């Protein structure tokens, strides 16, 4: 009889909806931590905060109040489309973002890289993007990391994140995550770096930020303070990346 029950449960489980990053319902304690950080670091005083992403919602036809700011967790599967929409229509935002694939040239990556446990049970490496930090291309966020850590401890124990090693002139979100965890403030200006989809010989690693030599020196100093690098084979920059770094150096 026990075997029959197990088989029946397995059969029923096949028809249950699978957990995806589009079904991540943000725990209130996590959202409150993000909102509190935004109040202290972004210009949102007195401005309406809206959340257009909910089951059945339509963010493109949402009634956005004048001067509002969107602080919400959008579907990651159409993340690029959403950011493009807000940039085109001049709507300010602070959006939850996939932790390792959120570098863009038209907004700021706030890379805290914390693995948040959402209400559907999914655990997702989470950073943020915003168009409210001026000429900042990307930055660590130690205060936000600590706030999410405090919130997460109310949900489940913390799991350590894995780190990778890359060429010195490449800034990865994982490095910013480590800086955030270590409490180190670090940022790169838009005249110091550029976002590329393939910095090294392996395209599987996704987007990175190429740095000028001067910015690289600051990055290495920050990484030394944050944590020792893992012993790993260092990748080589491709010809295109070397050419882009040469242009950055001229600036």
Foldseek 3Di string as FASTA:
>chain_A
DVVVVVVVVVVVVVPDDDDDLQPFAADPLLLVLVVVVCVVPFPCVPAAEDEQDDVPGDVLPDDDDPRYEYEYEHRAVCVVVVVVSCLVVVHWYKYKYQQFADQDLQWEKAQQQAQAQGPVRHTTRITIITRGPPQWRYWYALSSNVSRQVSRVVPDDGDDDDDDAEDLQKAGSSLSNLLSVQVHTDTDGSLFWDKDQDFFPDNVSGIIIGGAPVSSVVSVVSSVSRDDHDDDDYTDGDPVNVVVNVVSNVD
